[in-house]
Amino acid sequence: MYLAEDDDGTVTTVRAPVMLHTRDPGTARDLVRTEAECLTRMQGTHAPALLGVAAPTTGELPWVAASCVHRRADAPSSPPAPNLRAVLDEHGGTVPEELFLRIGLGLTEAVAFAHSRGLVHGSLSPLAVLVTDRDVRLVGWATATIDGVDSTHRDVLPLSDTYLEADDDELSLTPQSDVYAVGALLLAFLSGRWSDPRADDSGHGPLPNPGIGPVLLRTLWRCLEHDPARRPSAAALAEAFALASGGPTADRASEEVVAEDVRRVRDLAGRDIGTYGLEFARLLLTFSNQLASVGQREESLAAALESVEVYRELLSVGGNSASVPFSSGLAEALSNLSVRLGEAGRAGESLDAVSEAETLYRELRRRDFGVFGAGHAMTLNNQSNRLAEAGRYREALQAIEEAVLIGRRRAELGEPAVGGDLARSLTNLGSRLGDLGRQGEARTAVAEATQIYGALPPEEARSVWTDHAMSLINFAVLLGDEGRHDDALSVVDASFAVLDQYGDERSRAAFEIQEWSRRIRSWLEGPAARAPGQ
């Protein structure tokens, strides 16, 4: 590999197998041609752009030239991008969660994109993954599998990190071979040791404090299943990272920063929707939620609508091979749009949007329950609320009952971090049963929800404290309706205790929960004080 400059001074990379050509010119030509074909299919997306190739049948040296991948993707003057091994060294063997999620998302999207182009990389390793400030690029395509045809020269460039190779029964490499390598690579990267993550395995590997969510960690371990059919697809794995990271800028606090990102990526997506469309659609979704959180509802709705439009365009140009990542993104965007339309008083359109999202999630859940079950359940919660608002109470009940069943199945399968989702669905179930006058069943459902919330570990409890408090308030109302005023008052006290333990008194959510709890207490204390024997 050589660095060179073209006529206008742009730095390029040139791969010319000099030593191999002297021994075996035919093999050298094949390696160059394979690399060039892969880069042509990748079209400069998640891989260097092909600039030129020469693979003559005469005695001349074959070579392939590609764009240099820079650390700052939009700055050709910046140094070359580091590989994954260098990134880990730069951080002293412990990579921050935000960076891990960004790299994991970029890597899985790159592999999914390659698979959609009929390519199996087959040689994924720390050195084959280059990390820029914006994305991940894959290099080292010389022995890739193209359209199901393996390279006959894999022994010429053997993989040094043998733990990344799946011990599959198939004679040929498959997309699931890459998925195994991605899982092993990211788990090793997360552990800070370039070795087999299954070493000293006791349950799920030597990662006592992995630094990422348990759902994503479990998905990564599924990549190492011995049966390739039990591994997630690269597209499903990319979606799991997208859900874990909440979008490319989910943790940015400044609305102005996100707005500037939207403007920048909109321009890039306008010129190349295939390369920048997915990032743009997710960014719009993040922007919509952020705008809604500060009360800018019209702007939030506009961003939500644009996100849906971008996903629809991606589906129209991406073909069937891209249907999973784009369909799941569209489902999430439609569910968000439903909420935004509901806030704008456009109830009918809101129900239409969430119903389309539910249909998409139902098919995705059928393909991979582990990845898409949670998203389907969340959408069913939303759909149940919209149906109830439309007075379609029995349909609303059916939707939320299915969400509860999904939550129970996830719990039976041992999925971590499912408690909060199930409790949320049970609280909603209580409301829907109450709509139909089934008060006893409603109380049972909400009581179970409060028990689940109360048993959550502190970190998870902190993330769902508002839902926990509201569930307690609903439970207090149900108890009050039965005349159990003392019990109801004790539950209201419990809602204040949750607020004191986890809430930020300056937040809007804390203020609203305080007001609700005080109103319910006032309502309860009136009849309780007047009741005989009280």
Protein backbone atom coordinates (compact mmCIF):
# COMPACT_ATOMS: atom_id res chain seq x y z
CA MET A 1 0.00 0.00 0.00
CA TYR A 2 1.35 3.40 -1.01
CA LEU A 3 0.24 7.00 -0.52
CA ALA A 4 0.36 9.17 -3.64
CA GLU A 5 -0.89 12.49 -4.99
CA ASP A 6 -2.91 12.94 -8.16
CA ASP A 7 -2.56 15.85 -10.57
CA ASP A 8 -4.46 18.31 -8.35
CA GLY A 9 -2.55 17.33 -5.19
CA THR A 10 -5.25 15.10 -3.69
CA VAL A 11 -3.83 12.29 -1.56
CA THR A 12 -4.74 8.81 -2.82
CA THR A 13 -3.89 5.25 -1.84
CA VAL A 14 -2.40 2.81 -4.33
CA ARG A 15 -2.34 -0.93 -3.73
CA ALA A 16 0.24 -2.70 -5.90
CA PRO A 17 1.20 -6.28 -4.90
CA VAL A 18 4.83 -5.95 -6.00
CA MET A 19 6.32 -9.00 -4.25
CA LEU A 20 3.38 -11.24 -5.09
CA HIS A 21 3.49 -10.17 -8.73
CA THR A 22 7.06 -11.38 -9.07
CA ARG A 23 6.07 -14.83 -7.77
CA ASP A 24 2.52 -15.22 -9.11
CA PRO A 25 1.35 -12.49 -11.50
CA GLY A 26 -2.00 -14.22 -12.10
CA THR A 27 -2.91 -14.14 -8.42
CA ALA A 28 -1.79 -10.52 -8.11
CA ARG A 29 -4.10 -9.56 -11.00
CA ASP A 30 -7.03 -11.44 -9.44
CA LEU A 31 -6.60 -9.68 -6.10
CA VAL A 32 -6.52 -6.26 -7.76
CA ARG A 33 -9.57 -7.02 -9.89
CA THR A 34 -11.54 -8.25 -6.88
CA GLU A 35 -10.68 -5.12 -4.89
CA ALA A 36 -11.65 -2.88 -7.80
CA GLU A 37 -14.98 -4.69 -8.33
CA CYS A 38 -15.87 -4.37 -4.64
CA LEU A 39 -15.02 -0.67 -4.52
CA THR A 40 -17.05 -0.14 -7.68
CA ARG A 41 -20.08 -1.75 -6.07
CA MET A 42 -19.62 0.18 -2.80
CA GLN A 43 -19.67 3.46 -4.81
CA GLY A 44 -17.62 5.34 -2.23
CA THR A 45 -20.19 4.55 0.48
CA HIS A 46 -18.71 3.02 3.66
CA ALA A 47 -15.53 2.32 1.65
CA PRO A 48 -12.88 4.34 -0.23
CA ALA A 49 -13.93 5.56 -3.66
CA LEU A 50 -12.30 3.78 -6.61
CA LEU A 51 -10.11 6.18 -8.61
CA GLY A 52 -8.39 3.87 -11.07
CA VAL A 53 -7.32 0.31 -11.76
CA ALA A 54 -4.89 -1.51 -14.04
CA ALA A 55 -4.78 -5.31 -14.23
CA PRO A 56 -3.03 -6.03 -17.54
CA THR A 57 -2.54 -9.57 -18.75
CA THR A 58 1.00 -8.66 -19.82
CA GLY A 59 3.94 -8.48 -17.46
CA GLU A 60 3.05 -5.01 -16.14
CA LEU A 61 2.42 -4.53 -12.43
CA PRO A 62 -1.31 -4.46 -11.56
CA TRP A 63 -2.55 -1.72 -9.23
CA VAL A 64 -5.71 -0.19 -7.83
CA ALA A 65 -6.03 3.44 -6.69
CA ALA A 66 -8.63 4.67 -4.22
CA SER A 67 -9.40 7.81 -2.26
CA CYS A 68 -7.54 8.28 1.00
CA VAL A 69 -9.82 8.03 4.04
CA HIS A 70 -9.12 11.01 6.30
CA ARG A 71 -9.70 11.35 10.03
CA ARG A 72 -11.98 14.32 9.33
CA ALA A 73 -14.13 13.06 6.49
CA ASP A 74 -14.76 16.49 4.98
CA ALA A 75 -11.18 17.75 5.41
CA PRO A 76 -8.64 16.32 2.92
CA SER A 77 -5.87 18.14 4.78
CA SER A 78 -6.45 16.07 7.92
CA PRO A 79 -4.33 12.95 8.57
CA PRO A 80 -5.41 9.46 7.47
CA ALA A 81 -8.20 7.89 9.50
CA PRO A 82 -7.08 5.50 12.27
CA ASN A 83 -8.01 1.85 12.21
CA LEU A 84 -9.92 0.22 15.04
CA ARG A 85 -6.76 -0.97 16.77
CA ALA A 86 -5.35 2.57 16.79
CA VAL A 87 -8.64 3.98 18.12
CA LEU A 88 -8.52 1.62 21.08
CA ASP A 89 -4.88 2.55 21.76
CA GLU A 90 -5.74 6.27 21.62
CA HIS A 91 -8.29 5.73 24.41
CA GLY A 92 -6.04 3.61 26.61
CA GLY A 93 -7.99 0.41 26.06
CA THR A 94 -11.37 1.76 27.22
CA VAL A 95 -13.61 3.39 24.62
CA PRO A 96 -16.41 5.74 25.77
CA GLU A 97 -19.92 4.40 25.25
CA GLU A 98 -20.88 7.20 22.84
CA LEU A 99 -17.89 6.45 20.60
CA PHE A 100 -18.49 2.69 20.76
CA LEU A 101 -22.11 3.15 19.69
CA ARG A 102 -21.09 5.44 16.83
CA ILE A 103 -18.44 3.01 15.57
CA GLY A 104 -20.75 0.02 16.01
CA LEU A 105 -23.51 1.74 14.06
CA GLY A 106 -21.12 2.75 11.29
CA LEU A 107 -19.55 -0.70 11.03
CA THR A 108 -22.85 -2.58 10.94
CA GLU A 109 -24.31 -0.17 8.39
CA ALA A 110 -21.21 -0.63 6.23
CA VAL A 111 -21.46 -4.42 6.33
CA ALA A 112 -25.22 -4.33 5.66
CA PHE A 113 -24.61 -2.05 2.68
CA ALA A 114 -21.97 -4.44 1.31
CA HIS A 115 -24.32 -7.39 1.65
CA SER A 116 -27.00 -5.51 -0.26
CA ARG A 117 -24.48 -5.16 -3.11
CA GLY A 118 -23.77 -8.90 -3.27
CA LEU A 119 -20.50 -8.67 -1.33
CA VAL A 120 -19.20 -10.59 1.68
CA HIS A 121 -16.05 -8.95 3.01
CA GLY A 122 -14.76 -12.15 4.59
CA SER A 123 -11.67 -10.57 6.18
CA LEU A 124 -13.02 -8.15 8.76
CA SER A 125 -10.40 -7.29 11.36
CA PRO A 126 -9.31 -4.26 13.41
CA LEU A 127 -7.04 -3.13 10.56
CA ALA A 128 -9.85 -3.32 7.99
CA VAL A 129 -12.04 -0.81 9.86
CA LEU A 130 -11.16 2.88 9.45
CA VAL A 131 -12.87 5.41 11.71
CA THR A 132 -13.53 9.00 10.60
CA ASP A 133 -15.24 11.75 12.56
CA ARG A 134 -18.45 10.98 10.65
CA ASP A 135 -18.56 7.32 9.71
CA VAL A 136 -16.72 4.02 9.28
CA ARG A 137 -15.02 2.84 6.07
CA LEU A 138 -14.05 -0.72 5.24
CA VAL A 139 -10.83 -1.57 3.42
CA GLY A 140 -9.09 -4.83 2.47
CA TRP A 141 -11.50 -6.18 -0.15
CA ALA A 142 -8.96 -8.18 -2.18
CA THR A 143 -10.26 -11.62 -1.14
CA ALA A 144 -13.96 -10.79 -0.79
CA THR A 145 -16.77 -13.06 -1.92
CA ILE A 146 -18.72 -11.60 -4.86
CA ASP A 147 -22.23 -12.82 -5.73
CA GLY A 148 -21.65 -16.00 -3.73
CA VAL A 149 -18.34 -16.83 -5.46
CA ASP A 150 -15.43 -17.09 -3.01
CA SER A 151 -11.94 -15.88 -3.79
CA THR A 152 -9.53 -18.74 -4.49
CA HIS A 153 -6.69 -16.74 -2.97
CA ARG A 154 -7.73 -16.38 0.67
CA ASP A 155 -4.65 -18.35 1.72
CA VAL A 156 -2.45 -15.65 0.15
CA LEU A 157 -3.78 -13.01 2.57
CA PRO A 158 -4.76 -15.04 5.66
CA LEU A 159 -6.64 -13.41 8.53
CA SER A 160 -4.26 -12.93 11.45
CA ASP A 161 -7.09 -12.57 14.00
CA THR A 162 -8.41 -16.12 13.66
CA TYR A 163 -11.00 -15.67 16.41
CA LEU A 164 -12.94 -13.52 13.94
CA GLU A 165 -13.58 -16.48 11.65
CA ALA A 166 -16.80 -18.41 12.14
CA ASP A 167 -16.56 -22.18 12.32
CA ASP A 168 -19.51 -22.64 9.98
CA ASP A 169 -20.35 -25.86 8.18
CA GLU A 170 -20.83 -24.08 4.84
CA LEU A 171 -17.94 -24.39 2.41
CA SER A 172 -18.55 -20.88 1.10
CA LEU A 173 -18.52 -17.59 3.00
CA THR A 174 -21.95 -16.08 3.61
CA PRO A 175 -23.24 -12.77 4.98
CA GLN A 176 -23.62 -14.55 8.33
CA SER A 177 -19.85 -15.15 8.29
CA ASP A 178 -19.38 -11.39 8.30
CA VAL A 179 -21.97 -11.00 11.08
CA TYR A 180 -19.97 -13.42 13.24
CA ALA A 181 -16.83 -11.37 12.61
CA VAL A 182 -18.62 -8.11 13.42
CA GLY A 183 -19.89 -9.49 16.73
CA ALA A 184 -16.51 -10.91 17.75
CA LEU A 185 -14.72 -7.73 16.65
CA LEU A 186 -17.01 -5.36 18.55
CA LEU A 187 -17.08 -7.49 21.69
CA ALA A 188 -13.26 -7.61 21.68
CA PHE A 189 -13.14 -3.85 21.07
CA LEU A 190 -15.54 -3.32 23.97
CA SER A 191 -13.48 -5.50 26.30
CA GLY A 192 -10.24 -3.68 25.39
CA ARG A 193 -8.51 -6.95 24.43
CA TRP A 194 -7.94 -8.16 20.88
CA SER A 195 -8.75 -11.78 21.68
CA ASP A 196 -11.63 -14.19 21.51
CA PRO A 197 -14.45 -12.63 23.58
CA ARG A 198 -15.71 -16.13 24.41
CA ALA A 199 -12.56 -16.90 26.40
CA ASP A 200 -13.39 -17.73 30.01
CA ASP A 201 -17.03 -17.57 29.02
CA SER A 202 -19.42 -17.96 31.89
CA GLY A 203 -22.85 -17.31 30.51
CA HIS A 204 -22.15 -14.34 28.31
CA GLY A 205 -18.46 -13.63 28.31
CA PRO A 206 -15.86 -11.72 30.32
CA LEU A 207 -17.62 -8.36 30.26
CA PRO A 208 -18.80 -7.76 33.84
CA ASN A 209 -19.12 -4.01 33.24
CA PRO A 210 -19.65 -3.73 29.48
CA GLY A 211 -20.63 -0.06 29.44
CA ILE A 212 -23.53 -0.57 27.01
CA GLY A 213 -27.17 -1.50 27.41
CA PRO A 214 -27.98 -5.16 28.11
CA VAL A 215 -30.26 -5.50 25.07
CA LEU A 216 -27.52 -4.43 22.66
CA LEU A 217 -24.97 -6.61 24.46
CA ARG A 218 -27.22 -9.62 24.09
CA THR A 219 -27.66 -8.88 20.39
CA LEU A 220 -23.89 -8.81 19.94
CA TRP A 221 -23.56 -12.19 21.63
CA ARG A 222 -26.19 -13.57 19.24
CA CYS A 223 -23.73 -12.86 16.42
CA LEU A 224 -21.52 -15.64 17.80
CA GLU A 225 -24.20 -18.34 17.66
CA HIS A 226 -22.80 -21.56 16.19
CA ASP A 227 -25.86 -21.89 13.95
CA PRO A 228 -25.64 -19.10 11.34
CA ALA A 229 -29.43 -19.03 11.04
CA ARG A 230 -29.67 -17.86 14.66
CA ARG A 231 -27.46 -14.83 14.08
CA PRO A 232 -29.08 -11.48 13.32
CA SER A 233 -28.61 -10.01 9.87
CA ALA A 234 -26.20 -7.12 9.50
CA ALA A 235 -29.18 -4.85 8.82
CA ALA A 236 -30.93 -5.97 12.02
CA LEU A 237 -27.70 -5.46 13.94
CA ALA A 238 -27.42 -1.94 12.54
CA GLU A 239 -30.96 -1.26 13.69
CA ALA A 240 -30.11 -2.50 17.19
CA PHE A 241 -27.24 0.01 17.33
CA ALA A 242 -29.50 2.77 16.01
CA LEU A 243 -32.03 2.05 18.76
CA ALA A 244 -29.30 1.96 21.42
CA SER A 245 -27.76 5.23 20.30
CA GLY A 246 -31.06 7.02 19.72
CA GLY A 247 -29.80 8.47 16.45
CA PRO A 248 -26.53 10.09 15.45
CA THR A 249 -26.89 13.12 17.71
CA ALA A 250 -29.22 11.88 20.42
CA ASP A 251 -27.06 13.12 23.29
CA ARG A 252 -26.39 16.64 22.03
CA ALA A 253 -27.87 19.21 24.31
CA SER A 254 -27.88 22.22 22.02
CA GLU A 255 -30.79 22.73 19.67
CA GLU A 256 -28.63 25.07 17.58
CA VAL A 257 -26.00 22.37 17.07
CA VAL A 258 -28.61 19.87 15.89
CA ALA A 259 -30.22 22.47 13.62
CA GLU A 260 -26.84 23.14 12.02
CA ASP A 261 -26.32 19.40 11.51
CA VAL A 262 -29.73 19.19 9.83
CA ARG A 263 -28.81 21.98 7.42
CA ARG A 264 -25.43 20.42 6.63
CA VAL A 265 -26.66 16.88 6.10
CA ARG A 266 -29.73 18.04 4.14
CA ASP A 267 -27.39 19.55 1.58
CA LEU A 268 -25.31 16.36 1.41
CA ALA A 269 -28.39 14.14 1.14
CA GLY A 270 -29.74 16.33 -1.66
CA ARG A 271 -26.62 15.54 -3.66
CA ASP A 272 -26.32 11.84 -2.68
CA ILE A 273 -29.36 10.32 -0.99
CA GLY A 274 -27.82 6.84 -1.04
CA THR A 275 -24.83 7.88 1.06
CA TYR A 276 -26.35 10.46 3.39
CA GLY A 277 -30.07 9.67 3.39
CA LEU A 278 -30.09 7.32 6.37
CA GLU A 279 -28.08 9.73 8.51
CA PHE A 280 -30.36 12.59 7.46
CA ALA A 281 -33.57 10.69 8.25
CA ARG A 282 -32.34 9.74 11.72
CA LEU A 283 -31.10 13.25 12.37
CA LEU A 284 -34.52 14.65 11.48
CA LEU A 285 -36.14 12.23 13.92
CA THR A 286 -33.80 13.38 16.68
CA PHE A 287 -34.46 17.02 15.76
CA SER A 288 -38.23 16.47 15.83
CA ASN A 289 -38.11 15.04 19.35
CA GLN A 290 -35.85 17.81 20.56
CA LEU A 291 -38.11 20.52 19.14
CA ALA A 292 -41.14 18.88 20.75
CA SER A 293 -39.39 18.83 24.12
CA VAL A 294 -39.07 22.63 24.06
CA GLY A 295 -42.63 23.23 22.85
CA GLN A 296 -41.90 24.01 19.19
CA ARG A 297 -44.68 21.78 17.92
CA GLU A 298 -45.08 23.10 14.39
CA GLU A 299 -41.34 22.82 13.72
CA SER A 300 -41.29 19.38 15.36
CA LEU A 301 -44.12 18.18 13.11
CA ALA A 302 -42.34 19.52 10.01
CA ALA A 303 -39.17 17.61 10.91
CA ALA A 304 -41.17 14.43 11.58
CA LEU A 305 -42.90 14.70 8.20
CA GLU A 306 -39.59 15.23 6.42
CA SER A 307 -38.04 12.22 8.17
CA VAL A 308 -40.87 10.01 6.89
CA GLU A 309 -40.46 11.41 3.38
CA VAL A 310 -36.71 10.66 3.39
CA TYR A 311 -37.27 7.08 4.53
CA ARG A 312 -39.87 6.59 1.78
CA GLU A 313 -37.37 7.88 -0.78
CA LEU A 314 -34.67 5.55 0.56
CA LEU A 315 -37.03 2.61 0.20
CA SER A 316 -37.90 3.61 -3.36
CA VAL A 317 -34.26 3.81 -4.48
CA GLY A 318 -32.78 1.11 -2.26
CA GLY A 319 -34.68 -1.91 -3.54
CA ASN A 320 -35.70 -5.00 -1.59
CA SER A 321 -32.17 -5.59 -0.28
CA ALA A 322 -32.42 -2.44 1.82
CA SER A 323 -35.95 -3.09 3.08
CA VAL A 324 -35.09 -4.08 6.67
CA PRO A 325 -33.04 -1.05 7.79
CA PHE A 326 -35.18 1.41 5.84
CA SER A 327 -38.51 -0.22 6.79
CA SER A 328 -37.60 -0.22 10.47
CA GLY A 329 -36.52 3.40 10.22
CA LEU A 330 -39.77 4.29 8.48
CA ALA A 331 -41.77 2.49 11.16
CA GLU A 332 -40.03 4.47 13.91
CA ALA A 333 -40.47 7.73 12.00
CA LEU A 334 -44.17 7.06 11.41
CA SER A 335 -44.74 6.30 15.09
CA ASN A 336 -43.06 9.59 16.00
CA LEU A 337 -45.10 11.40 13.33
CA SER A 338 -48.25 9.98 14.88
CA VAL A 339 -47.39 11.59 18.22
CA ARG A 340 -46.60 14.92 16.58
CA LEU A 341 -49.86 14.86 14.58
CA GLY A 342 -51.77 14.06 17.74
CA GLU A 343 -50.23 17.09 19.45
CA ALA A 344 -51.41 19.20 16.51
CA GLY A 345 -54.99 17.96 16.91
CA ARG A 346 -54.91 15.97 13.66
CA ALA A 347 -56.34 12.82 15.20
CA GLY A 348 -57.30 10.98 12.02
CA GLU A 349 -53.89 11.44 10.41
CA SER A 350 -52.23 10.47 13.67
CA LEU A 351 -54.10 7.16 13.73
CA ASP A 352 -53.28 6.52 10.07
CA ALA A 353 -49.57 7.07 10.70
CA VAL A 354 -49.32 4.79 13.72
CA SER A 355 -51.39 2.10 11.97
CA GLU A 356 -48.92 2.06 9.08
CA ALA A 357 -46.04 1.91 11.57
CA GLU A 358 -47.69 -1.03 13.35
CA THR A 359 -48.06 -2.94 10.07
CA LEU A 360 -44.37 -2.45 9.29
CA TYR A 361 -43.26 -3.47 12.79
CA ARG A 362 -45.46 -6.59 12.68
CA GLU A 363 -43.57 -7.87 9.63
CA LEU A 364 -40.20 -6.88 11.12
CA ARG A 365 -41.04 -8.64 14.38
CA ARG A 366 -41.90 -11.76 12.41
CA ARG A 367 -38.40 -11.68 10.91
CA ASP A 368 -36.53 -11.02 14.17
CA PHE A 369 -38.47 -10.87 17.43
CA GLY A 370 -35.36 -10.13 19.49
CA VAL A 371 -34.54 -6.95 17.59
CA PHE A 372 -37.99 -5.60 16.71
CA GLY A 373 -40.29 -6.91 19.44
CA ALA A 374 -39.71 -3.91 21.68
CA GLY A 375 -40.38 -1.44 18.87
CA HIS A 376 -43.60 -3.22 17.94
CA ALA A 377 -44.84 -3.17 21.52
CA MET A 378 -44.10 0.55 21.83
CA THR A 379 -45.99 1.25 18.61
CA LEU A 380 -48.94 -0.83 19.80
CA ASN A 381 -49.04 1.33 22.94
CA ASN A 382 -49.20 4.41 20.75
CA GLN A 383 -51.84 2.86 18.49
CA SER A 384 -53.94 1.88 21.51
CA ASN A 385 -53.93 5.48 22.74
CA ARG A 386 -54.95 6.81 19.30
CA LEU A 387 -57.77 4.28 18.97
CA ALA A 388 -59.03 5.18 22.45
CA GLU A 389 -59.02 8.88 21.52
CA ALA A 390 -61.18 7.95 18.52
CA GLY A 391 -63.66 6.14 20.80
CA ARG A 392 -62.68 2.73 19.40
CA TYR A 393 -62.21 1.25 22.85
CA ARG A 394 -62.38 -2.45 22.04
CA GLU A 395 -59.77 -2.12 19.26
CA ALA A 396 -57.65 -0.07 21.64
CA LEU A 397 -57.86 -2.86 24.20
CA GLN A 398 -56.84 -5.48 21.62
CA ALA A 399 -53.78 -3.45 20.65
CA ILE A 400 -52.53 -2.99 24.19
CA GLU A 401 -53.23 -6.61 25.10
CA GLU A 402 -50.90 -7.65 22.27
CA ALA A 403 -48.26 -5.23 23.56
CA VAL A 404 -48.48 -6.86 27.00
CA LEU A 405 -48.14 -10.32 25.44
CA ILE A 406 -45.00 -9.18 23.60
CA GLY A 407 -43.57 -7.84 26.86
CA ARG A 408 -44.27 -11.09 28.69
CA ARG A 409 -42.66 -13.11 25.90
CA ARG A 410 -39.57 -10.90 25.99
CA ALA A 411 -39.36 -11.48 29.73
CA GLU A 412 -39.74 -15.25 29.25
CA LEU A 413 -36.91 -15.22 26.73
CA GLY A 414 -34.69 -13.58 29.31
CA GLU A 415 -34.30 -10.28 27.50
CA PRO A 416 -32.80 -7.75 29.89
CA ALA A 417 -34.24 -4.28 30.51
CA VAL A 418 -37.76 -5.43 29.63
CA GLY A 419 -39.37 -4.54 32.96
CA GLY A 420 -40.02 -0.86 32.27
CA ASP A 421 -41.56 -1.60 28.87
CA LEU A 422 -43.87 -4.27 30.28
CA ALA A 423 -44.90 -2.06 33.19
CA ARG A 424 -45.71 0.78 30.77
CA SER A 425 -47.90 -1.52 28.71
CA LEU A 426 -49.67 -2.82 31.83
CA THR A 427 -50.43 0.73 32.96
CA ASN A 428 -51.90 1.46 29.54
CA LEU A 429 -53.87 -1.79 29.73
CA GLY A 430 -55.36 -0.58 32.99
CA SER A 431 -56.56 2.59 31.30
CA ARG A 432 -58.13 0.69 28.40
CA LEU A 433 -59.91 -1.72 30.76
CA GLY A 434 -61.16 1.26 32.73
CA ASP A 435 -62.56 2.79 29.53
CA LEU A 436 -64.76 -0.32 29.22
CA GLY A 437 -65.86 -0.25 32.87
CA ARG A 438 -63.76 -3.26 33.87
CA GLN A 439 -62.41 -1.60 36.99
CA GLY A 440 -61.31 -4.71 38.87
CA GLU A 441 -59.20 -5.95 35.97
CA ALA A 442 -57.84 -2.44 35.48
CA ARG A 443 -56.68 -2.29 39.11
CA THR A 444 -55.00 -5.71 38.80
CA ALA A 445 -53.08 -4.61 35.70
CA VAL A 446 -51.90 -1.32 37.20
CA ALA A 447 -51.00 -3.00 40.50
CA GLU A 448 -48.73 -5.39 38.59
CA ALA A 449 -47.18 -2.44 36.78
CA THR A 450 -46.34 -0.66 40.04
CA GLN A 451 -44.82 -3.86 41.45
CA ILE A 452 -42.59 -4.22 38.39
CA TYR A 453 -41.51 -0.59 38.56
CA GLY A 454 -40.72 -0.94 42.26
CA ALA A 455 -38.46 -3.95 41.63
CA LEU A 456 -36.36 -2.35 38.88
CA PRO A 457 -32.64 -1.85 39.51
CA PRO A 458 -31.71 1.78 40.32
CA GLU A 459 -30.27 2.68 36.91
CA GLU A 460 -33.32 1.45 35.03
CA ALA A 461 -35.68 2.90 37.65
CA ARG A 462 -34.11 6.31 37.16
CA SER A 463 -34.74 6.19 33.41
CA VAL A 464 -38.48 5.42 33.83
CA TRP A 465 -39.28 7.33 36.99
CA THR A 466 -41.94 9.52 35.36
CA ASP A 467 -43.80 6.45 34.08
CA HIS A 468 -43.51 4.87 37.53
CA ALA A 469 -44.94 7.95 39.23
CA MET A 470 -47.83 8.23 36.79
CA SER A 471 -48.60 4.52 37.22
CA LEU A 472 -48.83 5.07 40.96
CA ILE A 473 -51.15 8.04 40.43
CA ASN A 474 -53.41 5.91 38.21
CA PHE A 475 -53.40 3.16 40.84
CA ALA A 476 -54.39 5.67 43.52
CA VAL A 477 -57.36 6.82 41.42
CA LEU A 478 -58.55 3.24 40.93
CA LEU A 479 -58.27 2.54 44.65
CA GLY A 480 -60.08 5.79 45.44
CA ASP A 481 -62.93 4.83 43.10
CA GLU A 482 -63.34 1.65 45.19
CA GLY A 483 -63.51 3.69 48.40
CA ARG A 484 -60.09 2.51 49.63
CA HIS A 485 -58.98 6.04 50.52
CA ASP A 486 -56.24 5.19 53.02
CA ASP A 487 -54.65 2.75 50.57
CA ALA A 488 -54.94 5.31 47.80
CA LEU A 489 -53.29 8.01 49.93
CA SER A 490 -50.41 5.66 50.69
CA VAL A 491 -49.92 5.14 46.95
CA VAL A 492 -49.91 8.92 46.39
CA ASP A 493 -47.20 9.19 49.05
CA ALA A 494 -45.26 6.56 47.09
CA SER A 495 -45.50 8.73 43.94
CA PHE A 496 -44.01 11.65 45.87
CA ALA A 497 -41.23 9.32 47.10
CA VAL A 498 -40.37 8.36 43.51
CA LEU A 499 -40.28 12.04 42.59
CA ASP A 500 -38.01 12.85 45.54
CA GLN A 501 -35.64 9.98 44.73
CA TYR A 502 -35.26 10.38 40.97
CA GLY A 503 -36.89 13.59 39.79
CA ASP A 504 -35.31 16.93 39.00
CA GLU A 505 -37.57 19.45 40.73
CA ARG A 506 -36.75 22.02 38.05
CA SER A 507 -38.02 19.82 35.22
CA ARG A 508 -41.41 20.14 33.59
CA ALA A 509 -42.14 16.45 34.23
CA ALA A 510 -41.50 16.86 37.96
CA PHE A 511 -43.79 19.88 38.12
CA GLU A 512 -46.62 18.06 36.32
CA ILE A 513 -46.32 14.98 38.53
CA GLN A 514 -46.35 17.14 41.66
CA GLU A 515 -49.53 18.86 40.47
CA TRP A 516 -51.24 15.56 39.62
CA SER A 517 -50.29 14.01 42.96
CA ARG A 518 -51.54 17.04 44.90
CA ARG A 519 -54.85 17.04 43.03
CA ILE A 520 -55.39 13.34 43.67
CA ARG A 521 -54.48 13.77 47.33
CA SER A 522 -56.92 16.67 47.66
CA TRP A 523 -59.66 14.62 46.03
CA LEU A 524 -58.96 11.64 48.30
CA GLU A 525 -58.73 13.60 51.52
CA GLY A 526 -62.14 15.19 50.98
CA PRO A 527 -64.24 12.03 50.92
CA ALA A 528 -61.84 10.22 53.23
CA ALA A 529 -62.29 12.86 55.92
CA ARG A 530 -66.09 12.78 55.58
CA ALA A 531 -66.41 9.00 55.50
CA PRO A 532 -67.72 7.43 58.75
CA GLY A 533 -65.03 5.94 60.92
CA GLN A 534 -62.24 7.72 59.10
